[in-house]
Amino acid sequence: GQQFMESSLRRIKRLKEIRQQKKLKFAIEVDGGINEREGKKCIAAGADIIVSGSWFFSDEYKKII
């Protein structure tokens, strides 16, 4: 049940830039405070994998599915 850190978006974008510039192959994974809204932001910033623990089992998620 962590809170999402908005500063992570800047780091995700920077990692994506580095990966492209240096032609590296690695996945960008984000964990911590990920819900539907934050997950979309992370994907837009360049995340490849998002981990959502607490939100996945929450009532909010159950309403969506």
Protein backbone atom coordinates (compact mmCIF):
# COMPACT_ATOMS: atom_id res chain seq x y z
CA GLY A 1 0.00 0.00 0.00
CA GLN A 2 2.67 2.54 -0.95
CA GLN A 3 2.05 5.96 -2.44
CA PHE A 4 3.20 6.57 -5.99
CA MET A 5 6.15 8.94 -6.27
CA GLU A 6 5.57 11.38 -9.15
CA SER A 7 9.33 11.89 -9.42
CA SER A 8 9.51 8.33 -10.74
CA LEU A 9 8.05 9.48 -14.05
CA ARG A 10 11.09 11.66 -14.69
CA ARG A 11 13.38 8.73 -13.94
CA ILE A 12 11.43 6.40 -16.22
CA LYS A 13 11.70 8.90 -19.08
CA ARG A 14 15.44 9.28 -18.48
CA LEU A 15 15.96 5.51 -18.48
CA LYS A 16 14.05 5.25 -21.74
CA GLU A 17 16.29 7.96 -23.27
CA ILE A 18 19.46 6.18 -22.12
CA ARG A 19 18.22 2.87 -23.48
CA GLN A 20 17.53 4.42 -26.88
CA GLN A 21 20.73 6.48 -27.06
CA LYS A 22 23.01 3.61 -26.11
CA LYS A 23 20.99 0.97 -27.96
CA LEU A 24 20.69 -1.11 -24.80
CA LYS A 25 18.21 -3.89 -24.15
CA PHE A 26 16.62 -3.80 -20.73
CA ALA A 27 13.09 -3.61 -19.40
CA ILE A 28 11.92 -0.72 -17.27
CA GLU A 29 9.81 -2.06 -14.39
CA VAL A 30 7.89 0.08 -11.93
CA ASP A 31 6.52 -1.04 -8.57
CA GLY A 32 4.98 0.92 -5.73
CA GLY A 33 1.67 2.74 -5.56
CA ILE A 34 0.56 1.64 -9.01
CA ASN A 35 -3.13 1.90 -9.76
CA GLU A 36 -4.97 2.37 -13.06
CA ARG A 37 -4.16 6.09 -13.30
CA GLU A 38 -0.51 5.84 -12.25
CA GLY A 39 0.02 2.76 -14.42
CA LYS A 40 -1.05 4.69 -17.51
CA LYS A 41 1.35 7.51 -16.64
CA CYS A 42 4.22 5.04 -16.22
CA ILE A 43 3.51 3.35 -19.54
CA ALA A 44 3.34 6.73 -21.28
CA ALA A 45 6.70 7.65 -19.72
CA GLY A 46 8.30 4.46 -21.05
CA ALA A 47 7.75 1.67 -18.52
CA ASP A 48 7.58 -1.83 -19.95
CA ILE A 49 6.39 -3.64 -16.83
CA ILE A 50 4.18 -2.34 -14.04
CA VAL A 51 3.63 -4.18 -10.78
CA SER A 52 0.41 -3.57 -8.91
CA GLY A 53 -0.06 -5.51 -5.70
CA SER A 54 -2.37 -3.76 -3.25
CA TRP A 55 -4.47 -2.06 -5.92
CA PHE A 56 -5.00 -5.34 -7.77
CA PHE A 57 -6.76 -6.75 -4.71
CA SER A 58 -8.65 -3.55 -3.83
CA ASP A 59 -12.33 -2.79 -4.23
CA GLU A 60 -11.46 -0.13 -6.83
CA TYR A 61 -9.94 -2.77 -9.12
CA LYS A 62 -12.85 -5.16 -8.56
CA LYS A 63 -15.25 -2.47 -9.81
CA ILE A 64 -13.27 -2.13 -13.02
CA ILE A 65 -13.28 -5.82 -13.81
